[in-house]
Amino acid sequence: SALDIIPALQRAGAIVAYYDCLVPTLRLHDGTTLQSLDNP
């Protein structure tokens, strides 16, 4: 559900970053790619 939560937060004006030690790169449904923070 993070794939739905992140774009919803972005549409609401949030600047979104994420940290996941097992998922270094995240591709959203619209094709946007995010990189996990190395050191949150």
Full PDB file with SEQRES, HELIX, SHEET, SSBOND, CRYST1, ORIGX, SCALE, CONECT and MASTER records, all heavy atoms in Angstrom:
SEQRES   1 A   40  SER ALA LEU ASP ILE ILE PRO ALA LEU GLN ARG ALA GLY          
SEQRES   2 A   40  ALA ILE VAL ALA TYR TYR ASP CYS LEU VAL PRO THR LEU          
SEQRES   3 A   40  ARG LEU HIS ASP GLY THR THR LEU GLN SER LEU ASP ASN          
SEQRES   4 A   40  PRO                                                          
HELIX    1 AA1 ALA A    2  ARG A   11  1                                  10    
SHEET    1 AA1 2 THR A  25  ARG A  27  0                                        
SHEET    2 AA1 2 THR A  33  GLN A  35 -1                                        
CRYST1    1.000    1.000    1.000  90.00  90.00  90.00 P 1           1          
ORIGX1      1.000000  0.000000  0.000000        0.00000                         
ORIGX2      0.000000  1.000000  0.000000        0.00000                         
ORIGX3      0.000000  0.000000  1.000000        0.00000                         
SCALE1      1.000000  0.000000  0.000000        0.00000                         
SCALE2      0.000000  1.000000  0.000000        0.00000                         
SCALE3      0.000000  0.000000  1.000000        0.00000                         
ATOM      1  N   SER A   1       0.826  -1.208   0.000  1.00  0.00           N  
ATOM      2  CA  SER A   1       0.000   0.000   0.000  1.00  0.00           C  
ATOM      3  C   SER A   1       0.864   1.263   0.000  1.00  0.00           C  
ATOM      4  O   SER A   1       0.359   2.343  -0.279  1.00  0.00           O  
ATOM      5  CB  SER A   1      -0.956  -0.005   1.187  1.00  0.00           C  
ATOM      6  OG  SER A   1      -0.239  -0.079   2.406  1.00  0.00           O  
ATOM      7  N   ALA A   2       2.157   1.132   0.267  1.00  0.00           N  
ATOM      8  CA  ALA A   2       3.059   2.291   0.181  1.00  0.00           C  
ATOM      9  C   ALA A   2       3.055   2.872  -1.224  1.00  0.00           C  
ATOM     10  O   ALA A   2       3.225   4.082  -1.410  1.00  0.00           O  
ATOM     11  CB  ALA A   2       4.476   1.903   0.584  1.00  0.00           C  
ATOM     12  N   LEU A   3       2.821   2.023  -2.233  1.00  0.00           N  
ATOM     13  CA  LEU A   3       2.785   2.488  -3.615  1.00  0.00           C  
ATOM     14  C   LEU A   3       1.579   3.387  -3.877  1.00  0.00           C  
ATOM     15  O   LEU A   3       1.565   4.140  -4.854  1.00  0.00           O  
ATOM     16  CB  LEU A   3       2.785   1.302  -4.581  1.00  0.00           C  
ATOM     17  CG  LEU A   3       4.027   0.419  -4.523  1.00  0.00           C  
ATOM     18  CD1 LEU A   3       3.856  -0.800  -5.422  1.00  0.00           C  
ATOM     19  CD2 LEU A   3       5.273   1.203  -4.887  1.00  0.00           C  
ATOM     20  N   ASP A   4       0.585   3.328  -3.024  1.00  0.00           N  
ATOM     21  CA  ASP A   4      -0.569   4.227  -3.106  1.00  0.00           C  
ATOM     22  C   ASP A   4      -0.435   5.392  -2.134  1.00  0.00           C  
ATOM     23  O   ASP A   4      -0.863   6.508  -2.424  1.00  0.00           O  
ATOM     24  CB  ASP A   4      -1.863   3.465  -2.803  1.00  0.00           C  
ATOM     25  CG  ASP A   4      -2.141   2.366  -3.810  1.00  0.00           C  
ATOM     26  OD1 ASP A   4      -1.927   2.605  -5.010  1.00  0.00           O  
ATOM     27  OD2 ASP A   4      -2.562   1.277  -3.399  1.00  0.00           O  
ATOM     28  N   ILE A   5       0.158   5.142  -0.984  1.00  0.00           N  
ATOM     29  CA  ILE A   5       0.290   6.169   0.058  1.00  0.00           C  
ATOM     30  C   ILE A   5       1.238   7.279  -0.384  1.00  0.00           C  
ATOM     31  O   ILE A   5       0.945   8.465  -0.219  1.00  0.00           O  
ATOM     32  CB  ILE A   5       0.772   5.542   1.385  1.00  0.00           C  
ATOM     33  CG1 ILE A   5      -0.318   4.622   1.942  1.00  0.00           C  
ATOM     34  CG2 ILE A   5       1.159   6.617   2.393  1.00  0.00           C  
ATOM     35  CD1 ILE A   5       0.151   3.762   3.110  1.00  0.00           C  
ATOM     36  N   ILE A   6       2.375   6.920  -0.954  1.00  0.00           N  
ATOM     37  CA  ILE A   6       3.378   7.921  -1.338  1.00  0.00           C  
ATOM     38  C   ILE A   6       2.812   8.926  -2.343  1.00  0.00           C  
ATOM     39  O   ILE A   6       2.902  10.136  -2.117  1.00  0.00           O  
ATOM     40  CB  ILE A   6       4.675   7.256  -1.846  1.00  0.00           C  
ATOM     41  CG1 ILE A   6       5.378   6.551  -0.678  1.00  0.00           C  
ATOM     42  CG2 ILE A   6       5.595   8.268  -2.505  1.00  0.00           C  
ATOM     43  CD1 ILE A   6       6.540   5.676  -1.087  1.00  0.00           C  
ATOM     44  N   PRO A   7       2.201   8.484  -3.455  1.00  0.00           N  
ATOM     45  CA  PRO A   7       1.639   9.471  -4.388  1.00  0.00           C  
ATOM     46  C   PRO A   7       0.519  10.306  -3.767  1.00  0.00           C  
ATOM     47  O   PRO A   7       0.382  11.490  -4.084  1.00  0.00           O  
ATOM     48  CB  PRO A   7       1.115   8.625  -5.552  1.00  0.00           C  
ATOM     49  CG  PRO A   7       1.791   7.317  -5.438  1.00  0.00           C  
ATOM     50  CD  PRO A   7       2.117   7.131  -3.997  1.00  0.00           C  
ATOM     51  N   ALA A   8      -0.271   9.715  -2.894  1.00  0.00           N  
ATOM     52  CA  ALA A   8      -1.340  10.479  -2.244  1.00  0.00           C  
ATOM     53  C   ALA A   8      -0.750  11.592  -1.379  1.00  0.00           C  
ATOM     54  O   ALA A   8      -1.253  12.723  -1.382  1.00  0.00           O  
ATOM     55  CB  ALA A   8      -2.213   9.557  -1.400  1.00  0.00           C  
ATOM     56  N   LEU A   9       0.323  11.294  -0.666  1.00  0.00           N  
ATOM     57  CA  LEU A   9       0.991  12.318   0.136  1.00  0.00           C  
ATOM     58  C   LEU A   9       1.590  13.409  -0.759  1.00  0.00           C  
ATOM     59  O   LEU A   9       1.486  14.595  -0.452  1.00  0.00           O  
ATOM     60  CB  LEU A   9       2.084  11.692   1.012  1.00  0.00           C  
ATOM     61  CG  LEU A   9       1.600  10.816   2.157  1.00  0.00           C  
ATOM     62  CD1 LEU A   9       2.774  10.063   2.781  1.00  0.00           C  
ATOM     63  CD2 LEU A   9       0.889  11.659   3.206  1.00  0.00           C  
ATOM     64  N   GLN A  10       2.181  12.995  -1.870  1.00  0.00           N  
ATOM     65  CA  GLN A  10       2.758  13.963  -2.806  1.00  0.00           C  
ATOM     66  C   GLN A  10       1.685  14.870  -3.401  1.00  0.00           C  
ATOM     67  O   GLN A  10       1.886  16.079  -3.509  1.00  0.00           O  
ATOM     68  CB  GLN A  10       3.532  13.241  -3.911  1.00  0.00           C  
ATOM     69  CG  GLN A  10       4.796  12.584  -3.409  1.00  0.00           C  
ATOM     70  CD  GLN A  10       5.455  11.707  -4.450  1.00  0.00           C  
ATOM     71  OE1 GLN A  10       4.783  11.073  -5.275  1.00  0.00           O  
ATOM     72  NE2 GLN A  10       6.779  11.655  -4.421  1.00  0.00           N  
ATOM     73  N   ARG A  11       0.548  14.304  -3.767  1.00  0.00           N  
ATOM     74  CA  ARG A  11      -0.556  15.119  -4.312  1.00  0.00           C  
ATOM     75  C   ARG A  11      -1.066  16.119  -3.278  1.00  0.00           C  
ATOM     76  O   ARG A  11      -1.533  17.194  -3.635  1.00  0.00           O  
ATOM     77  CB  ARG A  11      -1.713  14.223  -4.783  1.00  0.00           C  
ATOM     78  CG  ARG A  11      -1.444  13.536  -6.103  1.00  0.00           C  
ATOM     79  CD  ARG A  11      -2.690  12.874  -6.668  1.00  0.00           C  
ATOM     80  NE  ARG A  11      -3.288  11.886  -5.786  1.00  0.00           N  
ATOM     81  CZ  ARG A  11      -2.921  10.608  -5.711  1.00  0.00           C  
ATOM     82  NH1 ARG A  11      -1.942  10.164  -6.477  1.00  0.00           N  
ATOM     83  NH2 ARG A  11      -3.542   9.789  -4.901  1.00  0.00           N  
ATOM     84  N   ALA A  12      -0.947  15.757  -2.011  1.00  0.00           N  
ATOM     85  CA  ALA A  12      -1.375  16.665  -0.934  1.00  0.00           C  
ATOM     86  C   ALA A  12      -0.315  17.716  -0.620  1.00  0.00           C  
ATOM     87  O   ALA A  12      -0.519  18.551   0.251  1.00  0.00           O  
ATOM     88  CB  ALA A  12      -1.710  15.861   0.321  1.00  0.00           C  
ATOM     89  N   GLY A  13       0.822  17.663  -1.324  1.00  0.00           N  
ATOM     90  CA  GLY A  13       1.851  18.678  -1.141  1.00  0.00           C  
ATOM     91  C   GLY A  13       3.026  18.260  -0.281  1.00  0.00           C  
ATOM     92  O   GLY A  13       3.927  19.063  -0.030  1.00  0.00           O  
ATOM     93  N   ALA A  14       3.043  17.020   0.170  1.00  0.00           N  
ATOM     94  CA  ALA A  14       4.148  16.554   1.013  1.00  0.00           C  
ATOM     95  C   ALA A  14       5.392  16.268   0.178  1.00  0.00           C  
ATOM     96  O   ALA A  14       5.299  15.820  -0.966  1.00  0.00           O  
ATOM     97  CB  ALA A  14       3.746  15.294   1.769  1.00  0.00           C  
ATOM     98  N   ILE A  15       6.533  16.543   0.755  1.00  0.00           N  
ATOM     99  CA  ILE A  15       7.811  16.113   0.186  1.00  0.00           C  
ATOM    100  C   ILE A  15       8.107  14.770   0.838  1.00  0.00           C  
ATOM    101  O   ILE A  15       8.267  14.681   2.056  1.00  0.00           O  
ATOM    102  CB  ILE A  15       8.929  17.125   0.481  1.00  0.00           C  
ATOM    103  CG1 ILE A  15       8.589  18.466  -0.165  1.00  0.00           C  
ATOM    104  CG2 ILE A  15      10.269  16.595  -0.024  1.00  0.00           C  
ATOM    105  CD1 ILE A  15       9.497  19.591   0.273  1.00  0.00           C  
ATOM    106  N   VAL A  16       8.135  13.726   0.030  1.00  0.00           N  
ATOM    107  CA  VAL A  16       8.225  12.366   0.550  1.00  0.00           C  
ATOM    108  C   VAL A  16       9.608  11.790   0.283  1.00  0.00           C  
ATOM    109  O   VAL A  16      10.129  11.881  -0.821  1.00  0.00           O  
ATOM    110  CB  VAL A  16       7.150  11.460  -0.089  1.00  0.00           C  
ATOM    111  CG1 VAL A  16       7.285  10.026   0.403  1.00  0.00           C  
ATOM    112  CG2 VAL A  16       5.753  11.998   0.191  1.00  0.00           C  
ATOM    113  N   ALA A  17      10.179  11.197   1.312  1.00  0.00           N  
ATOM    114  CA  ALA A  17      11.405  10.407   1.198  1.00  0.00           C  
ATOM    115  C   ALA A  17      11.127   9.099   1.925  1.00  0.00           C  
ATOM    116  O   ALA A  17      10.227   9.027   2.762  1.00  0.00           O  
ATOM    117  CB  ALA A  17      12.581  11.132   1.819  1.00  0.00           C  
ATOM    118  N   TYR A  18      11.889   8.082   1.604  1.00  0.00           N  
ATOM    119  CA  TYR A  18      11.677   6.821   2.306  1.00  0.00           C  
ATOM    120  C   TYR A  18      13.003   6.169   2.659  1.00  0.00           C  
ATOM    121  O   TYR A  18      14.036   6.462   2.082  1.00  0.00           O  
ATOM    122  CB  TYR A  18      10.784   5.874   1.482  1.00  0.00           C  
ATOM    123  CG  TYR A  18      11.521   5.055   0.445  1.00  0.00           C  
ATOM    124  CD1 TYR A  18      11.905   3.748   0.703  1.00  0.00           C  
ATOM    125  CD2 TYR A  18      11.827   5.587  -0.803  1.00  0.00           C  
ATOM    126  CE1 TYR A  18      12.573   2.996  -0.247  1.00  0.00           C  
ATOM    127  CE2 TYR A  18      12.486   4.846  -1.766  1.00  0.00           C  
ATOM    128  CZ  TYR A  18      12.857   3.541  -1.476  1.00  0.00           C  
ATOM    129  OH  TYR A  18      13.518   2.794  -2.405  1.00  0.00           O  
ATOM    130  N   TYR A  19      12.909   5.282   3.643  1.00  0.00           N  
ATOM    131  CA  TYR A  19      14.065   4.496   4.053  1.00  0.00           C  
ATOM    132  C   TYR A  19      13.617   3.052   4.175  1.00  0.00           C  
ATOM    133  O   TYR A  19      12.656   2.746   4.889  1.00  0.00           O  
ATOM    134  CB  TYR A  19      14.620   4.983   5.389  1.00  0.00           C  
ATOM    135  CG  TYR A  19      15.614   4.028   5.994  1.00  0.00           C  
ATOM    136  CD1 TYR A  19      16.852   3.841   5.403  1.00  0.00           C  
ATOM    137  CD2 TYR A  19      15.311   3.297   7.120  1.00  0.00           C  
ATOM    138  CE1 TYR A  19      17.765   2.948   5.934  1.00  0.00           C  
ATOM    139  CE2 TYR A  19      16.218   2.407   7.664  1.00  0.00           C  
ATOM    140  CZ  TYR A  19      17.441   2.233   7.067  1.00  0.00           C  
ATOM    141  OH  TYR A  19      18.338   1.346   7.581  1.00  0.00           O  
ATOM    142  N   ASP A  20      14.279   2.170   3.451  1.00  0.00           N  
ATOM    143  CA  ASP A  20      14.020   0.738   3.551  1.00  0.00           C  
ATOM    144  C   ASP A  20      15.318   0.021   3.242  1.00  0.00           C  
ATOM    145  O   ASP A  20      15.838   0.125   2.127  1.00  0.00           O  
ATOM    146  CB  ASP A  20      12.918   0.326   2.571  1.00  0.00           C  
ATOM    147  CG  ASP A  20      12.438  -1.099   2.795  1.00  0.00           C  
ATOM    148  OD1 ASP A  20      13.287  -1.989   3.056  1.00  0.00           O  
ATOM    149  OD2 ASP A  20      11.231  -1.326   2.703  1.00  0.00           O  
ATOM    150  N   CYS A  21      15.828  -0.691   4.225  1.00  0.00           N  
ATOM    151  CA  CYS A  21      17.120  -1.365   4.057  1.00  0.00           C  
ATOM    152  C   CYS A  21      17.050  -2.513   3.043  1.00  0.00           C  
ATOM    153  O   CYS A  21      18.072  -2.952   2.542  1.00  0.00           O  
ATOM    154  CB  CYS A  21      17.631  -1.867   5.399  1.00  0.00           C  
ATOM    155  SG  CYS A  21      16.564  -3.084   6.210  1.00  0.00           S  
ATOM    156  N   LEU A  22      15.842  -2.974   2.716  1.00  0.00           N  
ATOM    157  CA  LEU A  22      15.689  -4.074   1.767  1.00  0.00           C  
ATOM    158  C   LEU A  22      15.223  -3.636   0.378  1.00  0.00           C  
ATOM    159  O   LEU A  22      15.243  -4.426  -0.558  1.00  0.00           O  
ATOM    160  CB  LEU A  22      14.698  -5.110   2.324  1.00  0.00           C  
ATOM    161  CG  LEU A  22      15.087  -5.743   3.653  1.00  0.00           C  
ATOM    162  CD1 LEU A  22      14.018  -6.726   4.105  1.00  0.00           C  
ATOM    163  CD2 LEU A  22      16.444  -6.434   3.559  1.00  0.00           C  
ATOM    164  N   VAL A  23      14.805  -2.384   0.248  1.00  0.00           N  
ATOM    165  CA  VAL A  23      14.302  -1.874  -1.032  1.00  0.00           C  
ATOM    166  C   VAL A  23      15.039  -0.574  -1.359  1.00  0.00           C  
ATOM    167  O   VAL A  23      14.596   0.511  -1.005  1.00  0.00           O  
ATOM    168  CB  VAL A  23      12.777  -1.637  -0.983  1.00  0.00           C  
ATOM    169  CG1 VAL A  23      12.261  -1.161  -2.341  1.00  0.00           C  
ATOM    170  CG2 VAL A  23      12.043  -2.891  -0.541  1.00  0.00           C  
ATOM    171  N   PRO A  24      16.189  -0.666  -2.019  1.00  0.00           N  
ATOM    172  CA  PRO A  24      16.987   0.528  -2.286  1.00  0.00           C  
ATOM    173  C   PRO A  24      16.370   1.472  -3.316  1.00  0.00           C  
ATOM    174  O   PRO A  24      16.616   2.664  -3.294  1.00  0.00           O  
ATOM    175  CB  PRO A  24      18.321  -0.026  -2.788  1.00  0.00           C  
ATOM    176  CG  PRO A  24      18.029  -1.397  -3.263  1.00  0.00           C  
ATOM    177  CD  PRO A  24      16.853  -1.897  -2.463  1.00  0.00           C  
ATOM    178  N   THR A  25      15.553   0.935  -4.236  1.00  0.00           N  
ATOM    179  CA  THR A  25      14.910   1.745  -5.261  1.00  0.00           C  
ATOM    180  C   THR A  25      13.439   1.358  -5.326  1.00  0.00           C  
ATOM    181  O   THR A  25      13.099   0.181  -5.272  1.00  0.00           O  
ATOM    182  CB  THR A  25      15.554   1.503  -6.640  1.00  0.00           C  
ATOM    183  OG1 THR A  25      16.945   1.801  -6.550  1.00  0.00           O  
ATOM    184  CG2 THR A  25      14.941   2.380  -7.705  1.00  0.00           C  
ATOM    185  N   LEU A  26      12.609   2.375  -5.448  1.00  0.00           N  
ATOM    186  CA  LEU A  26      11.163   2.150  -5.471  1.00  0.00           C  
ATOM    187  C   LEU A  26      10.592   2.814  -6.715  1.00  0.00           C  
ATOM    188  O   LEU A  26      10.808   3.996  -6.950  1.00  0.00           O  
ATOM    189  CB  LEU A  26      10.545   2.768  -4.215  1.00  0.00           C  
ATOM    190  CG  LEU A  26       9.053   2.654  -4.021  1.00  0.00           C  
ATOM    191  CD1 LEU A  26       8.649   1.203  -3.831  1.00  0.00           C  
ATOM    192  CD2 LEU A  26       8.648   3.466  -2.802  1.00  0.00           C  
ATOM    193  N   ARG A  27       9.888   2.048  -7.532  1.00  0.00           N  
ATOM    194  CA  ARG A  27       9.240   2.609  -8.726  1.00  0.00           C  
ATOM    195  C   ARG A  27       7.750   2.693  -8.450  1.00  0.00           C  
ATOM    196  O   ARG A  27       7.094   1.697  -8.170  1.00  0.00           O  
ATOM    197  CB  ARG A  27       9.497   1.757  -9.951  1.00  0.00           C  
ATOM    198  CG  ARG A  27       8.874   2.360 -11.217  1.00  0.00           C  
ATOM    199  CD  ARG A  27       9.232   1.563 -12.449  1.00  0.00           C  
ATOM    200  NE  ARG A  27      10.665   1.581 -12.676  1.00  0.00           N  
ATOM    201  CZ  ARG A  27      11.303   2.455 -13.454  1.00  0.00           C  
ATOM    202  NH1 ARG A  27      10.626   3.387 -14.067  1.00  0.00           N  
ATOM    203  NH2 ARG A  27      12.598   2.385 -13.617  1.00  0.00           N  
ATOM    204  N   LEU A  28       7.222   3.918  -8.535  1.00  0.00           N  
ATOM    205  CA  LEU A  28       5.804   4.149  -8.303  1.00  0.00           C  
ATOM    206  C   LEU A  28       5.007   3.800  -9.557  1.00  0.00           C  
ATOM    207  O   LEU A  28       5.567   3.623 -10.632  1.00  0.00           O  
ATOM    208  CB  LEU A  28       5.574   5.608  -7.902  1.00  0.00           C  
ATOM    209  CG  LEU A  28       6.317   6.065  -6.642  1.00  0.00           C  
ATOM    210  CD1 LEU A  28       6.079   7.546  -6.397  1.00  0.00           C  
ATOM    211  CD2 LEU A  28       5.900   5.246  -5.435  1.00  0.00           C  
ATOM    212  N   HIS A  29       3.688   3.713  -9.416  1.00  0.00           N  
ATOM    213  CA  HIS A  29       2.815   3.333 -10.529  1.00  0.00           C  
ATOM    214  C   HIS A  29       2.959   4.259 -11.732  1.00  0.00           C  
ATOM    215  O   HIS A  29       2.799   3.827 -12.870  1.00  0.00           O  
ATOM    216  CB  HIS A  29       1.350   3.297 -10.079  1.00  0.00           C  
ATOM    217  CG  HIS A  29       1.053   2.271  -9.044  1.00  0.00           C  
ATOM    218  ND1 HIS A  29       1.344   0.925  -9.191  1.00  0.00           N  
ATOM    219  CD2 HIS A  29       0.485   2.379  -7.814  1.00  0.00           C  
ATOM    220  CE1 HIS A  29       0.967   0.265  -8.125  1.00  0.00           C  
ATOM    221  NE2 HIS A  29       0.446   1.120  -7.266  1.00  0.00           N  
ATOM    222  N   ASP A  30       3.280   5.538 -11.487  1.00  0.00           N  
ATOM    223  CA  ASP A  30       3.412   6.495 -12.606  1.00  0.00           C  
ATOM    224  C   ASP A  30       4.796   6.453 -13.247  1.00  0.00           C  
ATOM    225  O   ASP A  30       5.091   7.233 -14.140  1.00  0.00           O  
ATOM    226  CB  ASP A  30       3.084   7.913 -12.143  1.00  0.00           C  
ATOM    227  CG  ASP A  30       4.119   8.501 -11.189  1.00  0.00           C  
ATOM    228  OD1 ASP A  30       5.084   7.796 -10.823  1.00  0.00           O  
ATOM    229  OD2 ASP A  30       3.958   9.667 -10.810  1.00  0.00           O  
ATOM    230  N   GLY A  31       5.647   5.534 -12.793  1.00  0.00           N  
ATOM    231  CA  GLY A  31       6.984   5.399 -13.353  1.00  0.00           C  
ATOM    232  C   GLY A  31       8.051   6.186 -12.616  1.00  0.00           C  
ATOM    233  O   GLY A  31       9.239   6.031 -12.890  1.00  0.00           O  
ATOM    234  N   THR A  32       7.648   7.042 -11.688  1.00  0.00           N  
ATOM    235  CA  THR A  32       8.606   7.803 -10.890  1.00  0.00           C  
ATOM    236  C   THR A  32       9.445   6.843 -10.050  1.00  0.00           C  
ATOM    237  O   THR A  32       8.930   5.883  -9.488  1.00  0.00           O  
ATOM    238  CB  THR A  32       7.864   8.779  -9.943  1.00  0.00           C  
ATOM    239  OG1 THR A  32       7.019   9.613 -10.720  1.00  0.00           O  
ATOM    240  CG2 THR A  32       8.839   9.614  -9.145  1.00  0.00           C  
ATOM    241  N   THR A  33      10.730   7.123  -9.963  1.00  0.00           N  
ATOM    242  CA  THR A  33      11.632   6.299  -9.175  1.00  0.00           C  
ATOM    243  C   THR A  33      12.142   7.092  -7.977  1.00  0.00           C  
ATOM    244  O   THR A  33      12.541   8.245  -8.118  1.00  0.00           O  
ATOM    245  CB  THR A  33      12.830   5.834 -10.025  1.00  0.00           C  
ATOM    246  OG1 THR A  33      12.337   5.094 -11.143  1.00  0.00           O  
ATOM    247  CG2 THR A  33      13.772   4.956  -9.231  1.00  0.00           C  
ATOM    248  N   LEU A  34      12.100   6.479  -6.813  1.00  0.00           N  
ATOM    249  CA  LEU A  34      12.658   7.062  -5.590  1.00  0.00           C  
ATOM    250  C   LEU A  34      13.789   6.184  -5.097  1.00  0.00           C  
ATOM    251  O   LEU A  34      13.754   4.963  -5.271  1.00  0.00           O  
ATOM    252  CB  LEU A  34      11.583   7.164  -4.498  1.00  0.00           C  
ATOM    253  CG  LEU A  34      10.359   8.029  -4.781  1.00  0.00           C  
ATOM    254  CD1 LEU A  34       9.367   7.906  -3.629  1.00  0.00           C  
ATOM    255  CD2 LEU A  34      10.765   9.473  -4.980  1.00  0.00           C  
ATOM    256  N   GLN A  35      14.781   6.806  -4.479  1.00  0.00           N  
ATOM    257  CA  GLN A  35      15.899   6.083  -3.879  1.00  0.00           C  
ATOM    258  C   GLN A  35      15.758   6.112  -2.371  1.00  0.00           C  
ATOM    259  O   GLN A  35      15.463   7.161  -1.794  1.00  0.00           O  
ATOM    260  CB  GLN A  35      17.233   6.744  -4.272  1.00  0.00           C  
ATOM    261  CG  GLN A  35      17.503   6.788  -5.756  1.00  0.00           C  
ATOM    262  CD  GLN A  35      17.692   5.419  -6.364  1.00  0.00           C  
ATOM    263  OE1 GLN A  35      18.299   4.546  -5.764  1.00  0.00           O  
ATOM    264  NE2 GLN A  35      17.139   5.222  -7.542  1.00  0.00           N  
ATOM    265  N   SER A  36      15.984   4.993  -1.729  1.00  0.00           N  
ATOM    266  CA  SER A  36      15.945   4.931  -0.277  1.00  0.00           C  
ATOM    267  C   SER A  36      17.041   5.822   0.299  1.00  0.00           C  
ATOM    268  O   SER A  36      18.147   5.898  -0.249  1.00  0.00           O  
ATOM    269  CB  SER A  36      16.158   3.495   0.200  1.00  0.00           C  
ATOM    270  OG  SER A  36      16.211   3.436   1.611  1.00  0.00           O  
ATOM    271  N   LEU A  37      16.733   6.491   1.381  1.00  0.00           N  
ATOM    272  CA  LEU A  37      17.754   7.286   2.066  1.00  0.00           C  
ATOM    273  C   LEU A  37      18.831   6.359   2.605  1.00  0.00           C  
ATOM    274  O   LEU A  37      18.526   5.292   3.145  1.00  0.00           O  
ATOM    275  CB  LEU A  37      17.126   8.067   3.220  1.00  0.00           C  
ATOM    276  CG  LEU A  37      16.043   9.079   2.852  1.00  0.00           C  
ATOM    277  CD1 LEU A  37      15.409   9.636   4.119  1.00  0.00           C  
ATOM    278  CD2 LEU A  37      16.618  10.190   2.007  1.00  0.00           C  
ATOM    279  N   ASP A  38      20.077   6.758   2.478  1.00  0.00           N  
ATOM    280  CA  ASP A  38      21.175   5.955   3.024  1.00  0.00           C  
ATOM    281  C   ASP A  38      21.262   6.081   4.537  1.00  0.00           C  
ATOM    282  O   ASP A  38      21.528   5.119   5.234  1.00  0.00           O  
ATOM    283  CB  ASP A  38      22.522   6.393   2.421  1.00  0.00           C  
ATOM    284  CG  ASP A  38      22.640   6.020   0.957  1.00  0.00           C  
ATOM    285  OD1 ASP A  38      22.070   4.991   0.565  1.00  0.00           O  
ATOM    286  OD2 ASP A  38      23.295   6.769   0.226  1.00  0.00           O  
ATOM    287  N   ASN A  39      21.047   7.299   5.005  1.00  0.00           N  
ATOM    288  CA  ASN A  39      21.200   7.579   6.430  1.00  0.00           C  
ATOM    289  C   ASN A  39      20.101   8.551   6.854  1.00  0.00           C  
ATOM    290  O   ASN A  39      20.312   9.761   6.854  1.00  0.00           O  
ATOM    291  CB  ASN A  39      22.591   8.184   6.670  1.00  0.00           C  
ATOM    292  CG  ASN A  39      22.880   8.372   8.130  1.00  0.00           C  
ATOM    293  OD1 ASN A  39      22.207   7.821   8.993  1.00  0.00           O  
ATOM    294  ND2 ASN A  39      23.876   9.176   8.429  1.00  0.00           N  
ATOM    295  N   PRO A  40      18.919   8.023   7.189  1.00  0.00           N  
ATOM    296  CA  PRO A  40      17.827   8.932   7.544  1.00  0.00           C  
ATOM    297  C   PRO A  40      18.139   9.717   8.808  1.00  0.00           C  
ATOM    298  O   PRO A  40      18.833   9.239   9.700  1.00  0.00           O  
ATOM    299  CB  PRO A  40      16.636   7.998   7.750  1.00  0.00           C  
ATOM    300  CG  PRO A  40      17.234   6.684   8.060  1.00  0.00           C  
ATOM    301  CD  PRO A  40      18.554   6.638   7.350  1.00  0.00           C  
TER     302      PRO A  40                                                      
MASTER        0    0    0    1    2    0    0    6  301    1    0    4          
END                                                                             
